[in-house]
Amino acid sequence: MTAPYWKEGAVRIPSGCAISAVISREGRRMTGEGIIRSMRPMHERSNGLGGGFAGYGIYPEYRDFFALHIFYDNDSVRSECETYLRSVLEIVRAENIPTRKLPAITDEPLIWRYFVAPLRSVLQRMQLDENEFIARAVMHINTTFDGAFVFSSGKNMGVFKAVGYPEDVGEFYRLEEYEAYCWTAHGRYPTNTPGWWGGAHPFALLDRTIVHNGEISSYDANRRFIEMYGYKCTLQTDTEVITYIADFLQRKQGLSLEETASVIAAPFWSTIERRPEAERRQLSYLRTAFSSLLITGPFSIILGFSGGLMALNDRLKLRSMVVGEKDDLVFLASEEAAICAMEPAAEHIWAPSGGEPVIVRVREGAY
């Protein structure tokens, strides 16, 4: 079995990763050149088995439609999947995602995108809102069509990922031709699983994306809990389950970003006991009600969403995370060198504490 055809769970390759992000509080759109540049100083954190980017605000002309990015093994499975898509969705545009040939990126699948809206008759019959319907459609495709994988499904945003070093992946997808108010990036050195196109980061569901550096020891407990609510963890990788946890807590349970952070990286009970009474009651409730969603082990993550992002370390800060600012821009990365590559004049560079969420939102109405 050759490396390009390994699937998740086939081998174990333990090591680390690189993450990076930039966001404009004013909603100013930037090409992908800066975020690609940020990954070059962190080249050694990757090994060419996975790289990827997420951009928010990149499809303003289709901002009211879900953008499905799909990998296909061949035209036969593409035809089958498109038959399903047409049965439940209005497809306003379907096309290959533009790429450029690079020696460093090989064995690429068919890479398509579709701008879609759920058929009203289907929504009414199933009595679902459009977000829940699209989430279920993604799960259906990824578990039913062998050789098809939806790797991005939000509105006015998109994920671009591949097997390769991130700087090569960005060039492959021609990210200098896109403009976004927020970019996130990942260089993968796979933990537990081989490198393949679907297993590269970011992981996404609807508009939420996760890039992750670390290894969570609570994966199995987290997975068993989240699968009770209809999520299908098919990739045997911890970042997938973090993405679904974020979607579950925020979209389905209505928790705020701060509350989500207090579940994922819940303070120790001894820390909770020292908090003021109202805060102690809230933290105790969250830790008790969602105990199976506490993520243990070393991690640093960046959660992207429409209108903002959140960065979070594990509560012991076993993985690096650095923050910098310049004017309306906020930068986050595994290393300060990555921030300096994006903005040499970056200011207020600091490292958040373990379990301390860093939340940046775009000004209302600016995206």
Protein backbone atom coordinates (compact mmCIF):
# COMPACT_ATOMS: atom_id res chain seq x y z
CA MET A 1 0.00 0.00 0.00
CA THR A 2 1.61 3.27 -1.09
CA ALA A 3 1.53 6.42 1.04
CA PRO A 4 -0.93 8.49 -1.06
CA TYR A 5 -3.63 5.86 -0.49
CA TRP A 6 -3.23 5.35 3.24
CA LYS A 7 -6.37 6.18 5.18
CA GLU A 8 -6.71 7.45 8.72
CA GLY A 9 -5.79 4.89 11.37
CA ALA A 10 -3.41 2.91 9.12
CA VAL A 11 -0.20 4.05 10.80
CA ARG A 12 1.02 6.13 13.73
CA ILE A 13 3.38 9.06 13.07
CA PRO A 14 3.75 11.07 16.33
CA SER A 15 5.08 14.64 16.29
CA GLY A 16 3.98 18.32 16.18
CA CYS A 17 2.33 20.96 13.95
CA ALA A 18 2.31 24.68 13.10
CA ILE A 19 -0.70 27.01 13.23
CA SER A 20 -1.16 30.62 12.21
CA ALA A 21 -3.94 33.18 11.74
CA VAL A 22 -4.59 36.82 10.90
CA ILE A 23 -7.82 38.78 11.19
CA SER A 24 -8.86 42.36 10.51
CA ARG A 25 -11.16 43.84 13.15
CA GLU A 26 -12.41 46.26 10.51
CA GLY A 27 -13.20 43.51 8.03
CA ARG A 28 -10.50 44.60 5.58
CA ARG A 29 -9.86 41.86 3.07
CA MET A 30 -6.30 40.60 2.48
CA THR A 31 -4.92 38.24 -0.12
CA GLY A 32 -3.57 34.88 0.99
CA GLU A 33 0.05 35.95 0.44
CA GLY A 34 0.59 37.02 4.06
CA ILE A 35 -0.74 33.85 5.65
CA ILE A 36 1.36 31.74 3.26
CA ARG A 37 4.40 33.82 4.21
CA SER A 38 3.75 33.12 7.90
CA MET A 39 4.15 29.38 7.43
CA ARG A 40 7.62 29.50 5.88
CA PRO A 41 9.56 30.14 9.14
CA MET A 42 7.71 27.16 10.69
CA HIS A 43 8.64 24.78 7.87
CA GLU A 44 10.34 22.34 10.24
CA ARG A 45 7.13 21.94 12.25
CA SER A 46 5.69 20.15 9.22
CA ASN A 47 6.94 17.20 7.21
CA GLY A 48 4.96 17.56 4.00
CA LEU A 49 2.14 15.22 5.03
CA GLY A 50 -0.49 17.95 5.27
CA GLY A 51 -1.06 21.68 4.96
CA GLY A 52 -4.08 23.89 4.61
CA PHE A 53 -5.80 27.24 4.94
CA ALA A 54 -9.23 28.67 5.67
CA GLY A 55 -10.34 32.05 4.35
CA TYR A 56 -13.39 34.04 5.47
CA GLY A 57 -15.08 36.55 3.18
CA ILE A 58 -13.65 35.04 -0.01
CA TYR A 59 -16.95 34.56 -1.87
CA PRO A 60 -18.84 37.86 -1.50
CA GLU A 61 -20.71 37.36 -4.79
CA TYR A 62 -22.14 34.09 -3.38
CA ARG A 63 -22.35 35.14 0.25
CA ASP A 64 -25.92 33.80 0.67
CA PHE A 65 -25.04 30.32 -0.58
CA PHE A 66 -23.21 27.46 1.09
CA ALA A 67 -19.89 26.74 -0.62
CA LEU A 68 -19.23 23.01 -0.70
CA HIS A 69 -15.64 22.03 -1.42
CA ILE A 70 -15.41 18.33 -2.28
CA PHE A 71 -12.59 15.90 -3.05
CA TYR A 72 -13.43 13.08 -5.46
CA ASP A 73 -11.39 9.99 -6.27
CA ASN A 74 -12.79 9.79 -9.80
CA ASP A 75 -15.53 11.04 -12.14
CA SER A 76 -17.78 8.08 -11.39
CA VAL A 77 -18.19 8.96 -7.72
CA ARG A 78 -18.49 12.64 -8.67
CA SER A 79 -21.45 11.79 -10.90
CA GLU A 80 -23.10 9.78 -8.13
CA CYS A 81 -22.58 12.51 -5.56
CA GLU A 82 -23.85 15.24 -7.88
CA THR A 83 -27.05 13.24 -8.46
CA TYR A 84 -27.61 13.31 -4.71
CA LEU A 85 -26.75 17.02 -4.49
CA ARG A 86 -29.27 17.91 -7.21
CA SER A 87 -31.98 15.94 -5.43
CA VAL A 88 -31.80 18.06 -2.27
CA LEU A 89 -30.05 21.30 -3.22
CA GLU A 90 -30.28 24.14 -5.69
CA ILE A 91 -26.86 24.34 -7.33
CA VAL A 92 -26.23 27.85 -8.61
CA ARG A 93 -22.65 27.17 -9.70
CA ALA A 94 -20.41 24.09 -9.97
CA GLU A 95 -16.76 24.15 -11.03
CA ASN A 96 -13.28 22.83 -10.50
CA ILE A 97 -11.40 24.76 -7.84
CA PRO A 98 -8.56 26.53 -9.71
CA THR A 99 -5.08 25.16 -8.95
CA ARG A 100 -1.61 25.39 -10.44
CA LYS A 101 0.62 22.41 -11.12
CA LEU A 102 3.55 22.11 -8.71
CA PRO A 103 6.17 19.37 -8.44
CA ALA A 104 5.70 19.44 -4.66
CA ILE A 105 1.96 18.59 -4.82
CA THR A 106 1.20 15.22 -6.36
CA ASP A 107 -1.58 12.63 -6.56
CA GLU A 108 -4.27 15.29 -6.29
CA PRO A 109 -7.89 14.14 -6.37
CA LEU A 110 -10.62 15.87 -8.36
CA ILE A 111 -11.30 19.12 -6.47
CA TRP A 112 -14.71 20.71 -6.99
CA ARG A 113 -16.79 23.44 -5.41
CA TYR A 114 -20.52 24.02 -5.47
CA PHE A 115 -22.49 27.09 -4.39
CA VAL A 116 -25.76 25.69 -3.12
CA ALA A 117 -28.95 26.34 -1.17
CA PRO A 118 -31.22 23.67 0.32
CA LEU A 119 -34.46 23.16 -1.57
CA ARG A 120 -37.30 24.77 0.39
CA SER A 121 -39.55 21.76 -0.19
CA VAL A 122 -36.93 19.49 1.39
CA LEU A 123 -36.47 21.77 4.40
CA GLN A 124 -40.21 21.91 4.97
CA ARG A 125 -40.60 18.17 4.65
CA MET A 126 -37.76 17.45 7.07
CA GLN A 127 -38.60 20.42 9.35
CA LEU A 128 -34.98 21.49 9.60
CA ASP A 129 -33.22 24.82 9.39
CA GLU A 130 -30.70 25.19 6.58
CA ASN A 131 -27.61 24.84 8.79
CA GLU A 132 -28.76 21.55 10.27
CA PHE A 133 -29.72 20.28 6.84
CA ILE A 134 -26.32 21.11 5.33
CA ALA A 135 -24.53 19.55 8.32
CA ARG A 136 -26.51 16.34 7.84
CA ALA A 137 -25.86 16.38 4.10
CA VAL A 138 -22.11 16.66 4.76
CA MET A 139 -22.26 13.68 7.14
CA HIS A 140 -24.30 11.72 4.60
CA ILE A 141 -21.86 12.31 1.76
CA ASN A 142 -18.77 11.57 3.86
CA THR A 143 -20.18 8.27 5.15
CA THR A 144 -22.12 7.06 2.09
CA PHE A 145 -20.08 7.89 -1.01
CA ASP A 146 -16.81 5.99 -1.04
CA GLY A 147 -14.32 8.29 -2.71
CA ALA A 148 -16.12 11.59 -2.00
CA PHE A 149 -15.25 13.90 0.90
CA VAL A 150 -16.76 17.30 1.72
CA PHE A 151 -13.98 19.31 3.33
CA SER A 152 -15.66 22.74 3.48
CA SER A 153 -19.32 23.71 3.77
CA GLY A 154 -19.81 27.26 5.07
CA LYS A 155 -21.11 30.49 3.60
CA ASN A 156 -18.68 33.08 2.18
CA MET A 157 -15.68 31.05 3.33
CA GLY A 158 -13.63 28.12 2.21
CA VAL A 159 -11.02 25.57 3.22
CA PHE A 160 -8.10 24.69 0.95
CA LYS A 161 -5.94 21.75 1.98
CA ALA A 162 -3.71 19.02 0.59
CA VAL A 163 -0.84 16.64 1.26
CA GLY A 164 2.23 18.88 1.17
CA TYR A 165 3.98 21.67 3.02
CA PRO A 166 1.59 24.57 3.70
CA GLU A 167 3.56 27.12 1.68
CA ASP A 168 3.30 24.80 -1.32
CA VAL A 169 -0.39 24.12 -0.65
CA GLY A 170 -1.11 27.86 -0.65
CA GLU A 171 0.65 28.29 -3.98
CA PHE A 172 -1.10 25.21 -5.38
CA TYR A 173 -4.52 26.71 -4.61
CA ARG A 174 -3.49 30.17 -5.89
CA LEU A 175 -4.48 31.83 -2.63
CA GLU A 176 -2.93 35.11 -3.77
CA GLU A 177 -6.05 35.43 -5.96
CA TYR A 178 -8.46 35.30 -2.97
CA GLU A 179 -9.20 38.05 -0.47
CA ALA A 180 -10.40 37.37 3.08
CA TYR A 181 -10.87 39.38 6.28
CA CYS A 182 -9.60 36.35 8.24
CA TRP A 183 -7.15 33.60 7.36
CA THR A 184 -6.08 30.55 9.35
CA ALA A 185 -3.34 28.09 8.40
CA HIS A 186 -1.87 24.77 9.45
CA GLY A 187 1.26 22.78 8.75
CA ARG A 188 0.71 19.18 9.66
CA TYR A 189 3.08 16.69 11.20
CA PRO A 190 0.44 13.98 11.69
CA THR A 191 -0.17 12.50 15.09
CA ASN A 192 -1.46 8.90 14.99
CA THR A 193 -2.62 9.08 11.40
CA PRO A 194 -1.06 9.25 7.94
CA GLY A 195 -1.13 12.24 5.66
CA TRP A 196 -3.94 12.25 3.11
CA TRP A 197 -5.90 15.06 1.50
CA GLY A 198 -9.03 14.75 3.63
CA GLY A 199 -7.04 14.43 6.85
CA ALA A 200 -5.13 17.69 6.45
CA HIS A 201 -6.23 20.71 8.52
CA PRO A 202 -8.31 22.84 8.75
CA PHE A 203 -11.24 20.62 9.62
CA ALA A 204 -14.57 22.28 8.98
CA LEU A 205 -18.31 22.00 9.44
CA LEU A 206 -20.50 24.84 8.18
CA ASP A 207 -18.58 28.07 8.89
CA ARG A 208 -16.52 26.70 11.80
CA THR A 209 -12.96 25.58 11.18
CA ILE A 210 -10.28 24.22 13.48
CA VAL A 211 -6.51 24.18 13.14
CA HIS A 212 -4.85 22.23 15.91
CA ASN A 213 -1.37 21.59 17.25
CA GLY A 214 -1.21 18.77 19.77
CA GLU A 215 -2.68 15.42 20.66
CA ILE A 216 -5.78 14.96 22.80
CA SER A 217 -5.84 11.93 25.07
CA SER A 218 -9.62 12.27 25.59
CA TYR A 219 -10.42 11.54 21.94
CA ASP A 220 -12.38 8.34 22.52
CA ALA A 221 -14.55 9.78 25.31
CA ASN A 222 -15.16 12.94 23.28
CA ARG A 223 -16.00 10.92 20.16
CA ARG A 224 -18.46 8.59 21.91
CA PHE A 225 -20.33 11.57 23.37
CA ILE A 226 -20.51 13.63 20.18
CA GLU A 227 -21.63 10.69 18.05
CA MET A 228 -24.76 10.39 20.21
CA TYR A 229 -25.90 13.65 18.58
CA GLY A 230 -25.59 12.57 14.96
CA TYR A 231 -21.99 13.50 14.23
CA LYS A 232 -19.98 10.90 12.33
CA CYS A 233 -16.30 10.76 13.25
CA THR A 234 -14.99 8.84 10.27
CA LEU A 235 -11.36 9.99 10.18
CA GLN A 236 -10.00 8.71 13.53
CA THR A 237 -8.31 12.04 14.15
CA ASP A 238 -8.69 14.29 17.17
CA THR A 239 -9.07 17.54 15.24
CA GLU A 240 -12.25 16.27 13.58
CA VAL A 241 -13.89 15.70 16.95
CA ILE A 242 -12.83 19.16 18.22
CA THR A 243 -14.59 20.70 15.21
CA TYR A 244 -17.80 18.82 15.98
CA ILE A 245 -17.58 19.73 19.67
CA ALA A 246 -17.39 23.42 18.77
CA ASP A 247 -20.39 23.08 16.44
CA PHE A 248 -22.39 21.17 19.05
CA LEU A 249 -21.71 23.57 21.91
CA GLN A 250 -22.27 26.76 19.97
CA ARG A 251 -24.83 25.98 17.27
CA LYS A 252 -26.86 23.29 19.04
CA GLN A 253 -26.45 24.25 22.70
CA GLY A 254 -26.22 28.01 22.23
CA LEU A 255 -23.09 28.47 24.34
CA SER A 256 -20.97 31.57 23.91
CA LEU A 257 -17.33 31.39 22.88
CA GLU A 258 -16.26 32.03 26.46
CA GLU A 259 -18.52 29.23 27.72
CA THR A 260 -17.26 26.91 24.98
CA ALA A 261 -13.69 27.57 26.12
CA SER A 262 -14.74 26.79 29.71
CA VAL A 263 -15.97 23.38 28.55
CA ILE A 264 -13.09 22.44 26.23
CA ALA A 265 -10.37 23.69 28.60
CA ALA A 266 -12.31 23.64 31.86
CA PRO A 267 -10.46 25.03 34.89
CA PHE A 268 -9.36 22.54 37.53
CA TRP A 269 -11.86 22.04 40.34
CA SER A 270 -9.37 23.61 42.75
CA THR A 271 -9.27 26.70 40.54
CA ILE A 272 -13.06 26.86 40.28
CA GLU A 273 -13.38 26.79 44.08
CA ARG A 274 -11.37 30.03 44.33
CA ARG A 275 -13.59 31.95 41.90
CA PRO A 276 -16.38 34.39 42.99
CA GLU A 277 -19.68 32.66 43.75
CA ALA A 278 -21.56 33.46 40.51
CA GLU A 279 -18.60 32.46 38.36
CA ARG A 280 -18.06 29.35 40.47
CA ARG A 281 -21.67 28.24 39.92
CA GLN A 282 -21.43 28.78 36.16
CA LEU A 283 -18.10 26.97 35.77
CA SER A 284 -19.28 24.10 37.95
CA TYR A 285 -22.41 23.72 35.84
CA LEU A 286 -20.50 23.71 32.55
CA ARG A 287 -17.93 21.24 33.83
CA THR A 288 -20.65 18.92 35.14
CA ALA A 289 -23.12 19.18 32.25
CA PHE A 290 -20.50 18.69 29.53
CA SER A 291 -17.91 16.63 31.37
CA SER A 292 -17.39 14.31 28.37
CA LEU A 293 -16.37 17.27 26.20
CA LEU A 294 -13.41 18.31 28.34
CA ILE A 295 -10.35 18.00 26.08
CA THR A 296 -7.30 16.63 27.85
CA GLY A 297 -3.74 16.46 26.62
CA PRO A 298 -1.50 19.09 25.00
CA PHE A 299 -3.14 21.35 22.45
CA SER A 300 -3.32 24.79 20.94
CA ILE A 301 -6.23 25.45 18.60
CA ILE A 302 -7.62 28.28 16.52
CA LEU A 303 -11.35 28.21 15.91
CA GLY A 304 -12.43 30.26 12.91
CA PHE A 305 -16.04 31.32 12.36
CA SER A 306 -17.96 33.93 10.38
CA GLY A 307 -16.99 37.25 11.91
CA GLY A 308 -14.14 36.19 14.14
CA LEU A 309 -11.85 33.63 15.68
CA MET A 310 -10.86 32.18 19.02
CA ALA A 311 -7.46 30.82 20.03
CA LEU A 312 -7.15 28.49 23.01
CA ASN A 313 -4.39 26.54 24.76
CA ASP A 314 -4.81 23.52 26.98
CA ARG A 315 -5.06 24.53 30.63
CA LEU A 316 -1.43 23.52 31.35
CA LYS A 317 -0.16 25.35 28.23
CA LEU A 318 1.75 22.39 26.87
CA ARG A 319 1.70 23.83 23.33
CA SER A 320 2.92 27.23 22.19
CA MET A 321 0.72 30.14 21.16
CA VAL A 322 1.77 33.75 20.50
CA VAL A 323 -0.42 36.80 19.80
CA GLY A 324 0.54 40.10 18.16
CA GLU A 325 -1.25 43.21 16.91
CA LYS A 326 -0.77 45.99 14.40
CA ASP A 327 -3.45 48.64 13.83
CA ASP A 328 -6.71 46.70 13.23
CA LEU A 329 -4.94 43.40 12.59
CA VAL A 330 -4.50 40.60 15.12
CA PHE A 331 -2.00 37.81 14.48
CA LEU A 332 -1.78 34.40 16.12
CA ALA A 333 0.82 31.71 15.57
CA SER A 334 2.81 28.90 17.09
CA GLU A 335 5.93 31.08 16.90
CA GLU A 336 6.69 34.79 17.00
CA ALA A 337 8.72 34.38 13.80
CA ALA A 338 5.50 33.59 11.92
CA ILE A 339 3.90 36.82 13.12
CA CYS A 340 6.99 38.82 12.12
CA ALA A 341 6.85 37.24 8.67
CA MET A 342 3.33 38.63 8.25
CA GLU A 343 4.03 41.98 9.91
CA PRO A 344 7.61 42.90 10.89
CA ALA A 345 6.30 45.88 12.86
CA ALA A 346 3.83 43.85 14.95
CA GLU A 347 3.26 45.21 18.45
CA HIS A 348 2.01 43.96 21.82
CA ILE A 349 3.35 40.46 21.27
CA TRP A 350 2.37 38.19 24.14
CA ALA A 351 1.59 34.58 25.01
CA PRO A 352 -1.85 33.77 26.48
CA SER A 353 -2.04 31.65 29.61
CA GLY A 354 -3.21 28.05 29.58
CA GLY A 355 -6.98 27.83 29.19
CA GLU A 356 -7.26 31.57 28.47
CA PRO A 357 -9.30 32.15 25.30
CA VAL A 358 -8.20 34.88 22.91
CA ILE A 359 -11.34 36.04 21.09
CA VAL A 360 -11.25 38.52 18.21
CA ARG A 361 -14.40 39.69 16.47
CA VAL A 362 -14.83 41.72 13.32
CA ARG A 363 -16.70 44.99 13.77
CA GLU A 364 -20.43 44.43 13.32
CA GLY A 365 -21.50 45.05 9.76
CA ALA A 366 -17.94 44.99 8.44
CA TYR A 367 -17.99 41.55 6.84
